[in-house]
Amino acid sequence: MVANDTAGNLTHCGVPGMFVRTPPGPGPLLQFNNHQTVKTMEDTDLQALMARLELLINRVEQLKGQNGLLLAQEKTWREERAHLIEKNEIARRKVESMISRLKALEQDS
C-alpha cells in the first residue's frame, strides 16, 4: 500500500471515479490585480461596519436611558399603589366600624 500525500488536493470533477488535482493553498479566493482596490473595499466595508456599530451603540444608550425612566416610573407607581392599598384598608375598617355601630344601635332600639 502506497500513501498518497496529495490525496487532500483531489477534487471530484463531476465524472464518476474521476478526480482533478488542485493546487495546494488556502482554496479559491477572490483575487484582484490591484491591491489598492482590495484595500479600498476593505476600508469601505470597515467604515460601514463601524458606522453600523456606532448606530448600535447609540441605540443601546438610548434604550438604557428609556429603561431607567421606566424603572423610575414603575417605582413611583408601586409606591402610589401601596399608598392607595393602605388608604383602601383604612376606608374598609371605617366602613366596617360604622356598620358595627349601626348594628349595635339597631339592637339597642
PDB file of N, CA and C in Angstrom:
ATOM      1  N   MET A   1       0.846  -1.174   0.000  1.00  0.00           N
ATOM      2  CA  MET A   1       0.000   0.000   0.000  1.00  0.00           C
ATOM      3  C   MET A   1       0.891   1.237   0.000  1.00  0.00           C
ATOM      4  N   VAL A   2       0.592   2.200  -0.866  1.00  0.00           N
ATOM      5  CA  VAL A   2       1.383   3.418  -1.003  1.00  0.00           C
ATOM      6  C   VAL A   2       0.549   4.571  -0.464  1.00  0.00           C
ATOM      7  N   ALA A   3       1.163   5.379   0.386  1.00  0.00           N
ATOM      8  CA  ALA A   3       0.464   6.545   0.929  1.00  0.00           C
ATOM      9  C   ALA A   3       0.500   7.663  -0.093  1.00  0.00           C
ATOM     10  N   ASN A   4      -0.617   8.362  -0.227  1.00  0.00           N
ATOM     11  CA  ASN A   4      -0.694   9.473  -1.170  1.00  0.00           C
ATOM     12  C   ASN A   4      -0.760  10.767  -0.377  1.00  0.00           C
ATOM     13  N   ASP A   5       0.344  11.513  -0.364  1.00  0.00           N
ATOM     14  CA  ASP A   5       0.404  12.756   0.405  1.00  0.00           C
ATOM     15  C   ASP A   5      -0.465  13.849  -0.190  1.00  0.00           C
ATOM     16  N   THR A   6      -0.826  13.728  -1.449  1.00  0.00           N
ATOM     17  CA  THR A   6      -1.616  14.779  -2.103  1.00  0.00           C
ATOM     18  C   THR A   6      -3.083  14.418  -2.211  1.00  0.00           C
ATOM     19  N   ALA A   7      -3.507  13.424  -1.471  1.00  0.00           N
ATOM     20  CA  ALA A   7      -4.908  12.999  -1.554  1.00  0.00           C
ATOM     21  C   ALA A   7      -5.852  14.116  -1.151  1.00  0.00           C
ATOM     22  N   GLY A   8      -5.414  14.981  -0.260  1.00  0.00           N
ATOM     23  CA  GLY A   8      -6.268  16.096   0.166  1.00  0.00           C
ATOM     24  C   GLY A   8      -6.434  17.130  -0.918  1.00  0.00           C
ATOM     25  N   ASN A   9      -5.610  17.095  -1.963  1.00  0.00           N
ATOM     26  CA  ASN A   9      -5.682  18.075  -3.037  1.00  0.00           C
ATOM     27  C   ASN A   9      -6.494  17.593  -4.231  1.00  0.00           C
ATOM     28  N   LEU A  10      -7.219  16.510  -4.065  1.00  0.00           N
ATOM     29  CA  LEU A  10      -8.018  15.985  -5.161  1.00  0.00           C
ATOM     30  C   LEU A  10      -9.443  16.503  -5.048  1.00  0.00           C
ATOM     31  N   THR A  11     -10.000  16.904  -6.196  1.00  0.00           N
ATOM     32  CA  THR A  11     -11.354  17.431  -6.241  1.00  0.00           C
ATOM     33  C   THR A  11     -12.139  16.618  -7.245  1.00  0.00           C
ATOM     34  N   HIS A  12     -13.345  16.219  -6.878  1.00  0.00           N
ATOM     35  CA  HIS A  12     -14.196  15.455  -7.785  1.00  0.00           C
ATOM     36  C   HIS A  12     -14.590  16.365  -8.940  1.00  0.00           C
ATOM     37  N   CYS A  13     -14.434  15.899 -10.162  1.00  0.00           N
ATOM     38  CA  CYS A  13     -14.681  16.760 -11.318  1.00  0.00           C
ATOM     39  C   CYS A  13     -16.048  16.544 -11.951  1.00  0.00           C
ATOM     40  N   GLY A  14     -16.879  15.704 -11.396  1.00  0.00           N
ATOM     41  CA  GLY A  14     -18.222  15.508 -11.927  1.00  0.00           C
ATOM     42  C   GLY A  14     -18.366  14.207 -12.698  1.00  0.00           C
ATOM     43  N   VAL A  15     -17.271  13.608 -13.090  1.00  0.00           N
ATOM     44  CA  VAL A  15     -17.317  12.338 -13.799  1.00  0.00           C
ATOM     45  C   VAL A  15     -17.101  11.237 -12.772  1.00  0.00           C
ATOM     46  N   PRO A  16     -17.964  10.199 -12.744  1.00  0.00           N
ATOM     47  CA  PRO A  16     -17.813   9.151 -11.739  1.00  0.00           C
ATOM     48  C   PRO A  16     -16.399   8.565 -11.739  1.00  0.00           C
ATOM     49  N   GLY A  17     -15.773   8.552 -10.586  1.00  0.00           N
ATOM     50  CA  GLY A  17     -14.455   7.974 -10.403  1.00  0.00           C
ATOM     51  C   GLY A  17     -13.313   8.863 -10.853  1.00  0.00           C
ATOM     52  N   MET A  18     -13.585  10.057 -11.359  1.00  0.00           N
ATOM     53  CA  MET A  18     -12.526  10.942 -11.849  1.00  0.00           C
ATOM     54  C   MET A  18     -12.312  12.093 -10.873  1.00  0.00           C
ATOM     55  N   PHE A  19     -11.069  12.378 -10.612  1.00  0.00           N
ATOM     56  CA  PHE A  19     -10.704  13.465  -9.728  1.00  0.00           C
ATOM     57  C   PHE A  19      -9.668  14.334 -10.421  1.00  0.00           C
ATOM     58  N   VAL A  20      -9.640  15.581 -10.103  1.00  0.00           N
ATOM     59  CA  VAL A  20      -8.669  16.517 -10.663  1.00  0.00           C
ATOM     60  C   VAL A  20      -7.813  17.023  -9.520  1.00  0.00           C
ATOM     61  N   ARG A  21      -6.515  17.077  -9.756  1.00  0.00           N
ATOM     62  CA  ARG A  21      -5.602  17.575  -8.732  1.00  0.00           C
ATOM     63  C   ARG A  21      -5.712  19.106  -8.675  1.00  0.00           C
ATOM     64  N   THR A  22      -5.895  19.624  -7.457  1.00  0.00           N
ATOM     65  CA  THR A  22      -5.969  21.071  -7.279  1.00  0.00           C
ATOM     66  C   THR A  22      -4.669  21.540  -6.657  1.00  0.00           C
ATOM     67  N   PRO A  23      -4.254  22.749  -6.963  1.00  0.00           N
ATOM     68  CA  PRO A  23      -3.001  23.246  -6.385  1.00  0.00           C
ATOM     69  C   PRO A  23      -3.154  23.448  -4.887  1.00  0.00           C
ATOM     70  N   PRO A  24      -2.071  23.215  -4.128  1.00  0.00           N
ATOM     71  CA  PRO A  24      -2.152  23.435  -2.682  1.00  0.00           C
ATOM     72  C   PRO A  24      -2.342  24.909  -2.384  1.00  0.00           C
ATOM     73  N   GLY A  25      -2.974  25.183  -1.282  1.00  0.00           N
ATOM     74  CA  GLY A  25      -3.192  26.575  -0.872  1.00  0.00           C
ATOM     75  C   GLY A  25      -4.464  26.682  -0.073  1.00  0.00           C
ATOM     76  N   PRO A  26      -4.820  27.891   0.282  1.00  0.00           N
ATOM     77  CA  PRO A  26      -5.996  28.089   1.130  1.00  0.00           C
ATOM     78  C   PRO A  26      -7.302  27.857   0.406  1.00  0.00           C
ATOM     79  N   GLY A  27      -7.276  27.606  -0.908  1.00  0.00           N
ATOM     80  CA  GLY A  27      -8.508  27.382  -1.642  1.00  0.00           C
ATOM     81  C   GLY A  27      -8.812  28.552  -2.533  1.00  0.00           C
ATOM     82  N   PRO A  28      -9.968  28.506  -3.198  1.00  0.00           N
ATOM     83  CA  PRO A  28     -10.292  29.596  -4.117  1.00  0.00           C
ATOM     84  C   PRO A  28     -10.569  30.878  -3.349  1.00  0.00           C
ATOM     85  N   LEU A  29      -9.861  31.918  -3.717  1.00  0.00           N
ATOM     86  CA  LEU A  29     -10.037  33.225  -3.097  1.00  0.00           C
ATOM     87  C   LEU A  29     -10.345  34.243  -4.173  1.00  0.00           C
ATOM     88  N   LEU A  30     -11.076  35.261  -3.817  1.00  0.00           N
ATOM     89  CA  LEU A  30     -11.317  36.366  -4.721  1.00  0.00           C
ATOM     90  C   LEU A  30     -10.043  37.192  -4.759  1.00  0.00           C
ATOM     91  N   GLN A  31      -9.437  37.271  -5.917  1.00  0.00           N
ATOM     92  CA  GLN A  31      -8.181  37.996  -6.027  1.00  0.00           C
ATOM     93  C   GLN A  31      -8.359  39.165  -6.981  1.00  0.00           C
ATOM     94  N   PHE A  32      -7.701  40.253  -6.670  1.00  0.00           N
ATOM     95  CA  PHE A  32      -7.724  41.436  -7.502  1.00  0.00           C
ATOM     96  C   PHE A  32      -6.311  41.699  -7.992  1.00  0.00           C
ATOM     97  N   ASN A  33      -6.214  42.254  -9.178  1.00  0.00           N
ATOM     98  CA  ASN A  33      -4.906  42.584  -9.722  1.00  0.00           C
ATOM     99  C   ASN A  33      -4.296  43.756  -8.982  1.00  0.00           C
ATOM    100  N   ASN A  34      -5.130  44.630  -8.504  1.00  0.00           N
ATOM    101  CA  ASN A  34      -4.645  45.839  -7.856  1.00  0.00           C
ATOM    102  C   ASN A  34      -4.908  45.733  -6.360  1.00  0.00           C
ATOM    103  N   HIS A  35      -3.867  45.705  -5.549  1.00  0.00           N
ATOM    104  CA  HIS A  35      -4.034  45.596  -4.096  1.00  0.00           C
ATOM    105  C   HIS A  35      -4.732  46.819  -3.523  1.00  0.00           C
ATOM    106  N   GLN A  36      -4.605  47.951  -4.183  1.00  0.00           N
ATOM    107  CA  GLN A  36      -5.271  49.170  -3.722  1.00  0.00           C
ATOM    108  C   GLN A  36      -6.783  48.998  -3.768  1.00  0.00           C
ATOM    109  N   THR A  37      -7.312  48.291  -4.775  1.00  0.00           N
ATOM    110  CA  THR A  37      -8.749  48.042  -4.888  1.00  0.00           C
ATOM    111  C   THR A  37      -9.226  47.214  -3.699  1.00  0.00           C
ATOM    112  N   VAL A  38      -8.452  46.183  -3.340  1.00  0.00           N
ATOM    113  CA  VAL A  38      -8.803  45.347  -2.198  1.00  0.00           C
ATOM    114  C   VAL A  38      -8.799  46.180  -0.933  1.00  0.00           C
ATOM    115  N   LYS A  39      -7.762  47.000  -0.744  1.00  0.00           N
ATOM    116  CA  LYS A  39      -7.644  47.822   0.458  1.00  0.00           C
ATOM    117  C   LYS A  39      -8.801  48.816   0.538  1.00  0.00           C
ATOM    118  N   THR A  40      -9.158  49.421  -0.601  1.00  0.00           N
ATOM    119  CA  THR A  40     -10.261  50.378  -0.611  1.00  0.00           C
ATOM    120  C   THR A  40     -11.573  49.691  -0.246  1.00  0.00           C
ATOM    121  N   MET A  41     -11.782  48.486  -0.784  1.00  0.00           N
ATOM    122  CA  MET A  41     -13.003  47.755  -0.455  1.00  0.00           C
ATOM    123  C   MET A  41     -13.022  47.373   1.022  1.00  0.00           C
ATOM    124  N   GLU A  42     -11.870  46.947   1.541  1.00  0.00           N
ATOM    125  CA  GLU A  42     -11.799  46.586   2.953  1.00  0.00           C
ATOM    126  C   GLU A  42     -12.046  47.809   3.821  1.00  0.00           C
ATOM    127  N   ASP A  43     -11.463  48.959   3.442  1.00  0.00           N
ATOM    128  CA  ASP A  43     -11.673  50.190   4.207  1.00  0.00           C
ATOM    129  C   ASP A  43     -13.132  50.603   4.169  1.00  0.00           C
ATOM    130  N   THR A  44     -13.752  50.503   3.002  1.00  0.00           N
ATOM    131  CA  THR A  44     -15.165  50.862   2.874  1.00  0.00           C
ATOM    132  C   THR A  44     -16.031  49.944   3.723  1.00  0.00           C
ATOM    133  N   ASP A  45     -15.763  48.649   3.656  1.00  0.00           N
ATOM    134  CA  ASP A  45     -16.510  47.689   4.466  1.00  0.00           C
ATOM    135  C   ASP A  45     -16.308  47.959   5.951  1.00  0.00           C
ATOM    136  N   LEU A  46     -15.060  48.257   6.317  1.00  0.00           N
ATOM    137  CA  LEU A  46     -14.755  48.527   7.725  1.00  0.00           C
ATOM    138  C   LEU A  46     -15.453  49.794   8.192  1.00  0.00           C
ATOM    139  N   GLN A  47     -15.444  50.819   7.355  1.00  0.00           N
ATOM    140  CA  GLN A  47     -16.116  52.074   7.714  1.00  0.00           C
ATOM    141  C   GLN A  47     -17.619  51.862   7.847  1.00  0.00           C
ATOM    142  N   ALA A  48     -18.202  51.074   6.941  1.00  0.00           N
ATOM    143  CA  ALA A  48     -19.637  50.786   7.021  1.00  0.00           C
ATOM    144  C   ALA A  48     -19.952  50.013   8.295  1.00  0.00           C
ATOM    145  N   LEU A  49     -19.104  49.049   8.627  1.00  0.00           N
ATOM    146  CA  LEU A  49     -19.295  48.275   9.848  1.00  0.00           C
ATOM    147  C   LEU A  49     -19.169  49.162  11.079  1.00  0.00           C
ATOM    148  N   MET A  50     -18.186  50.052  11.065  1.00  0.00           N
ATOM    149  CA  MET A  50     -18.001  50.962  12.207  1.00  0.00           C
ATOM    150  C   MET A  50     -19.190  51.907  12.349  1.00  0.00           C
ATOM    151  N   ALA A  51     -19.731  52.380  11.227  1.00  0.00           N
ATOM    152  CA  ALA A  51     -20.899  53.267  11.272  1.00  0.00           C
ATOM    153  C   ALA A  51     -22.096  52.529  11.859  1.00  0.00           C
ATOM    154  N   ARG A  52     -22.292  51.286  11.432  1.00  0.00           N
ATOM    155  CA  ARG A  52     -23.409  50.494  11.979  1.00  0.00           C
ATOM    156  C   ARG A  52     -23.205  50.209  13.460  1.00  0.00           C
ATOM    157  N   LEU A  53     -21.959  49.940  13.830  1.00  0.00           N
ATOM    158  CA  LEU A  53     -21.656  49.683  15.233  1.00  0.00           C
ATOM    159  C   LEU A  53     -21.922  50.924  16.073  1.00  0.00           C
ATOM    160  N   GLU A  54     -21.558  52.089  15.560  1.00  0.00           N
ATOM    161  CA  GLU A  54     -21.817  53.349  16.270  1.00  0.00           C
ATOM    162  C   GLU A  54     -23.313  53.571  16.443  1.00  0.00           C
ATOM    163  N   LEU A  55     -24.102  53.283  15.390  1.00  0.00           N
ATOM    164  CA  LEU A  55     -25.558  53.395  15.497  1.00  0.00           C
ATOM    165  C   LEU A  55     -26.106  52.442  16.550  1.00  0.00           C
ATOM    166  N   LEU A  56     -25.559  51.234  16.571  1.00  0.00           N
ATOM    167  CA  LEU A  56     -25.994  50.243  17.541  1.00  0.00           C
ATOM    168  C   LEU A  56     -25.662  50.685  18.965  1.00  0.00           C
ATOM    169  N   ILE A  57     -24.476  51.226  19.155  1.00  0.00           N
ATOM    170  CA  ILE A  57     -24.076  51.715  20.486  1.00  0.00           C
ATOM    171  C   ILE A  57     -24.987  52.852  20.921  1.00  0.00           C
ATOM    172  N   ASN A  58     -25.280  53.781  19.995  1.00  0.00           N
ATOM    173  CA  ASN A  58     -26.195  54.884  20.332  1.00  0.00           C
ATOM    174  C   ASN A  58     -27.573  54.367  20.698  1.00  0.00           C
ATOM    175  N   ARG A  59     -28.044  53.362  19.969  1.00  0.00           N
ATOM    176  CA  ARG A  59     -29.368  52.793  20.259  1.00  0.00           C
ATOM    177  C   ARG A  59     -29.387  52.127  21.629  1.00  0.00           C
ATOM    178  N   VAL A  60     -28.301  51.423  21.966  1.00  0.00           N
ATOM    179  CA  VAL A  60     -28.216  50.776  23.273  1.00  0.00           C
ATOM    180  C   VAL A  60     -28.252  51.826  24.378  1.00  0.00           C
ATOM    181  N   GLU A  61     -27.511  52.928  24.191  1.00  0.00           N
ATOM    182  CA  GLU A  61     -27.520  54.001  25.195  1.00  0.00           C
ATOM    183  C   GLU A  61     -28.912  54.610  25.322  1.00  0.00           C
ATOM    184  N   GLN A  62     -29.582  54.798  24.188  1.00  0.00           N
ATOM    185  CA  GLN A  62     -30.944  55.330  24.217  1.00  0.00           C
ATOM    186  C   GLN A  62     -31.877  54.386  24.973  1.00  0.00           C
ATOM    187  N   LEU A  63     -31.767  53.096  24.702  1.00  0.00           N
ATOM    188  CA  LEU A  63     -32.612  52.118  25.383  1.00  0.00           C
ATOM    189  C   LEU A  63     -32.300  52.046  26.879  1.00  0.00           C
ATOM    190  N   LYS A  64     -31.035  52.198  27.245  1.00  0.00           N
ATOM    191  CA  LYS A  64     -30.678  52.225  28.665  1.00  0.00           C
ATOM    192  C   LYS A  64     -31.343  53.406  29.360  1.00  0.00           C
ATOM    193  N   GLY A  65     -31.336  54.571  28.699  1.00  0.00           N
ATOM    194  CA  GLY A  65     -31.997  55.745  29.269  1.00  0.00           C
ATOM    195  C   GLY A  65     -33.494  55.533  29.427  1.00  0.00           C
ATOM    196  N   GLN A  66     -34.108  54.980  28.384  1.00  0.00           N
ATOM    197  CA  GLN A  66     -35.545  54.696  28.460  1.00  0.00           C
ATOM    198  C   GLN A  66     -35.845  53.679  29.548  1.00  0.00           C
ATOM    199  N   ASN A  67     -34.991  52.679  29.672  1.00  0.00           N
ATOM    200  CA  ASN A  67     -35.185  51.662  30.704  1.00  0.00           C
ATOM    201  C   ASN A  67     -35.096  52.288  32.092  1.00  0.00           C
ATOM    202  N   GLY A  68     -34.137  53.202  32.280  1.00  0.00           N
ATOM    203  CA  GLY A  68     -34.017  53.886  33.562  1.00  0.00           C
ATOM    204  C   GLY A  68     -35.270  54.682  33.894  1.00  0.00           C
ATOM    205  N   LEU A  69     -35.809  55.386  32.902  1.00  0.00           N
ATOM    206  CA  LEU A  69     -37.047  56.143  33.118  1.00  0.00           C
ATOM    207  C   LEU A  69     -38.214  55.220  33.454  1.00  0.00           C
ATOM    208  N   LEU A  70     -38.305  54.108  32.739  1.00  0.00           N
ATOM    209  CA  LEU A  70     -39.391  53.159  33.009  1.00  0.00           C
ATOM    210  C   LEU A  70     -39.273  52.559  34.406  1.00  0.00           C
ATOM    211  N   LEU A  71     -38.050  52.265  34.833  1.00  0.00           N
ATOM    212  CA  LEU A  71     -37.859  51.727  36.183  1.00  0.00           C
ATOM    213  C   LEU A  71     -38.249  52.754  37.238  1.00  0.00           C
ATOM    214  N   ALA A  72     -37.924  54.019  37.001  1.00  0.00           N
ATOM    215  CA  ALA A  72     -38.301  55.081  37.940  1.00  0.00           C
ATOM    216  C   ALA A  72     -39.825  55.224  37.994  1.00  0.00           C
ATOM    217  N   GLN A  73     -40.472  55.161  36.818  1.00  0.00           N
ATOM    218  CA  GLN A  73     -41.938  55.236  36.790  1.00  0.00           C
ATOM    219  C   GLN A  73     -42.555  54.046  37.512  1.00  0.00           C
ATOM    220  N   GLU A  74     -41.995  52.872  37.302  1.00  0.00           N
ATOM    221  CA  GLU A  74     -42.516  51.684  37.974  1.00  0.00           C
ATOM    222  C   GLU A  74     -42.412  51.829  39.487  1.00  0.00           C
ATOM    223  N   LYS A  75     -41.282  52.344  39.951  1.00  0.00           N
ATOM    224  CA  LYS A  75     -41.107  52.541  41.393  1.00  0.00           C
ATOM    225  C   LYS A  75     -42.150  53.514  41.930  1.00  0.00           C
ATOM    226  N   THR A  76     -42.376  54.611  41.195  1.00  0.00           N
ATOM    227  CA  THR A  76     -43.378  55.602  41.613  1.00  0.00           C
ATOM    228  C   THR A  76     -44.760  54.978  41.658  1.00  0.00           C
ATOM    229  N   TRP A  77     -45.092  54.198  40.634  1.00  0.00           N
ATOM    230  CA  TRP A  77     -46.412  53.560  40.597  1.00  0.00           C
ATOM    231  C   TRP A  77     -46.566  52.522  41.699  1.00  0.00           C
ATOM    232  N   ARG A  78     -45.500  51.794  41.995  1.00  0.00           N
ATOM    233  CA  ARG A  78     -45.581  50.820  43.094  1.00  0.00           C
ATOM    234  C   ARG A  78     -45.812  51.520  44.437  1.00  0.00           C
ATOM    235  N   GLU A  79     -45.100  52.644  44.627  1.00  0.00           N
ATOM    236  CA  GLU A  79     -45.300  53.405  45.868  1.00  0.00           C
ATOM    237  C   GLU A  79     -46.710  53.953  45.943  1.00  0.00           C
ATOM    238  N   GLU A  80     -47.206  54.479  44.826  1.00  0.00           N
ATOM    239  CA  GLU A  80     -48.569  55.010  44.787  1.00  0.00           C
ATOM    240  C   GLU A  80     -49.583  53.899  45.036  1.00  0.00           C
ATOM    241  N   ARG A  81     -49.340  52.735  44.449  1.00  0.00           N
ATOM    242  CA  ARG A  81     -50.237  51.589  44.652  1.00  0.00           C
ATOM    243  C   ARG A  81     -50.265  51.180  46.122  1.00  0.00           C
ATOM    244  N   ALA A  82     -49.091  51.108  46.740  1.00  0.00           N
ATOM    245  CA  ALA A  82     -49.025  50.740  48.161  1.00  0.00           C
ATOM    246  C   ALA A  82     -49.783  51.763  49.008  1.00  0.00           C
ATOM    247  N   HIS A  83     -49.636  53.046  48.666  1.00  0.00           N
ATOM    248  CA  HIS A  83     -50.340  54.101  49.403  1.00  0.00           C
ATOM    249  C   HIS A  83     -51.852  53.966  49.218  1.00  0.00           C
ATOM    250  N   LEU A  84     -52.294  53.668  47.989  1.00  0.00           N
ATOM    251  CA  LEU A  84     -53.733  53.502  47.738  1.00  0.00           C
ATOM    252  C   LEU A  84     -54.284  52.262  48.436  1.00  0.00           C
ATOM    253  N   ILE A  85     -53.510  51.195  48.472  1.00  0.00           N
ATOM    254  CA  ILE A  85     -53.941  49.990  49.189  1.00  0.00           C
ATOM    255  C   ILE A  85     -54.099  50.300  50.676  1.00  0.00           C
ATOM    256  N   GLU A  86     -53.166  51.067  51.204  1.00  0.00           N
ATOM    257  CA  GLU A  86     -53.249  51.448  52.627  1.00  0.00           C
ATOM    258  C   GLU A  86     -54.488  52.303  52.881  1.00  0.00           C
ATOM    259  N   LYS A  87     -54.750  53.292  52.011  1.00  0.00           N
ATOM    260  CA  LYS A  87     -55.941  54.133  52.168  1.00  0.00           C
ATOM    261  C   LYS A  87     -57.214  53.297  52.038  1.00  0.00           C
ATOM    262  N   ASN A  88     -57.220  52.353  51.121  1.00  0.00           N
ATOM    263  CA  ASN A  88     -58.367  51.475  50.933  1.00  0.00           C
ATOM    264  C   ASN A  88     -58.611  50.644  52.192  1.00  0.00           C
ATOM    265  N   GLU A  89     -57.562  50.151  52.785  1.00  0.00           N
ATOM    266  CA  GLU A  89     -57.694  49.362  54.028  1.00  0.00           C
ATOM    267  C   GLU A  89     -58.249  50.219  55.165  1.00  0.00           C
ATOM    268  N   ILE A  90     -57.789  51.457  55.271  1.00  0.00           N
ATOM    269  CA  ILE A  90     -58.302  52.368  56.313  1.00  0.00           C
ATOM    270  C   ILE A  90     -59.790  52.634  56.080  1.00  0.00           C
ATOM    271  N   ALA A  91     -60.166  52.882  54.816  1.00  0.00           N
ATOM    272  CA  ALA A  91     -61.579  53.135  54.498  1.00  0.00           C
ATOM    273  C   ALA A  91     -62.418  51.899  54.793  1.00  0.00           C
ATOM    274  N   ARG A  92     -61.909  50.710  54.460  1.00  0.00           N
ATOM    275  CA  ARG A  92     -62.647  49.475  54.733  1.00  0.00           C
ATOM    276  C   ARG A  92     -62.890  49.303  56.233  1.00  0.00           C
ATOM    277  N   ARG A  93     -61.860  49.573  57.042  1.00  0.00           N
ATOM    278  CA  ARG A  93     -62.028  49.441  58.501  1.00  0.00           C
ATOM    279  C   ARG A  93     -63.051  50.441  59.034  1.00  0.00           C
ATOM    280  N   LYS A  94     -63.032  51.681  58.497  1.00  0.00           N
ATOM    281  CA  LYS A  94     -64.003  52.693  58.941  1.00  0.00           C
ATOM    282  C   LYS A  94     -65.429  52.267  58.585  1.00  0.00           C
ATOM    283  N   VAL A  95     -65.609  51.735  57.371  1.00  0.00           N
ATOM    284  CA  VAL A  95     -66.942  51.288  56.951  1.00  0.00           C
ATOM    285  C   VAL A  95     -67.397  50.123  57.831  1.00  0.00           C
ATOM    286  N   GLU A  96     -66.504  49.169  58.098  1.00  0.00           N
ATOM    287  CA  GLU A  96     -66.860  48.047  58.969  1.00  0.00           C
ATOM    288  C   GLU A  96     -67.216  48.543  60.369  1.00  0.00           C
ATOM    289  N   SER A  97     -66.474  49.535  60.851  1.00  0.00           N
ATOM    290  CA  SER A  97     -66.758  50.103  62.175  1.00  0.00           C
ATOM    291  C   SER A  97     -68.142  50.764  62.191  1.00  0.00           C
ATOM    292  N   MET A  98     -68.465  51.528  61.129  1.00  0.00           N
ATOM    293  CA  MET A  98     -69.776  52.176  61.062  1.00  0.00           C
ATOM    294  C   MET A  98     -70.894  51.144  60.989  1.00  0.00           C
ATOM    295  N   ILE A  99     -70.672  50.078  60.224  1.00  0.00           N
ATOM    296  CA  ILE A  99     -71.687  49.027  60.127  1.00  0.00           C
ATOM    297  C   ILE A  99     -71.898  48.370  61.488  1.00  0.00           C
ATOM    298  N   SER A 100     -70.816  48.119  62.202  1.00  0.00           N
ATOM    299  CA  SER A 100     -70.919  47.508  63.533  1.00  0.00           C
ATOM    300  C   SER A 100     -71.695  48.430  64.479  1.00  0.00           C
ATOM    301  N   ARG A 101     -71.390  49.744  64.444  1.00  0.00           N
ATOM    302  CA  ARG A 101     -72.103  50.684  65.309  1.00  0.00           C
ATOM    303  C   ARG A 101     -73.580  50.766  64.941  1.00  0.00           C
ATOM    304  N   LEU A 102     -73.870  50.753  63.648  1.00  0.00           N
ATOM    305  CA  LEU A 102     -75.269  50.793  63.227  1.00  0.00           C
ATOM    306  C   LEU A 102     -76.022  49.544  63.680  1.00  0.00           C
ATOM    307  N   LYS A 103     -75.367  48.388  63.595  1.00  0.00           N
ATOM    308  CA  LYS A 103     -75.993  47.148  64.066  1.00  0.00           C
ATOM    309  C   LYS A 103     -76.225  47.210  65.578  1.00  0.00           C
ATOM    310  N   ALA A 104     -75.245  47.767  66.295  1.00  0.00           N
ATOM    311  CA  ALA A 104     -75.377  47.877  67.747  1.00  0.00           C
ATOM    312  C   ALA A 104     -76.523  48.822  68.104  1.00  0.00           C
ATOM    313  N   LEU A 105     -76.643  49.951  67.396  1.00  0.00           N
ATOM    314  CA  LEU A 105     -77.746  50.894  67.635  1.00  0.00           C
ATOM    315  C   LEU A 105     -79.097  50.242  67.302  1.00  0.00           C
ATOM    316  N   GLU A 106     -79.109  49.445  66.270  1.00  0.00           N
ATOM    317  CA  GLU A 106     -80.341  48.797  65.848  1.00  0.00           C
ATOM    318  C   GLU A 106     -80.785  47.775  66.906  1.00  0.00           C
ATOM    319  N   GLN A 107     -79.814  47.062  67.498  1.00  0.00           N
ATOM    320  CA  GLN A 107     -80.149  46.061  68.518  1.00  0.00           C
ATOM    321  C   GLN A 107     -80.607  46.737  69.818  1.00  0.00           C
ATOM    322  N   ASP A 108     -80.075  47.932  70.102  1.00  0.00           N
ATOM    323  CA  ASP A 108     -80.454  48.637  71.339  1.00  0.00           C
ATOM    324  C   ASP A 108     -81.876  49.202  71.239  1.00  0.00           C
ATOM    325  N   SER A 109     -82.322  49.484  70.018  1.00  0.00           N
ATOM    326  CA  SER A 109     -83.640  50.094  69.935  1.00  0.00           C
ATOM    327  C   SER A 109     -84.736  49.101  69.810  1.00  0.00           C
TER     328      SER A 109
END
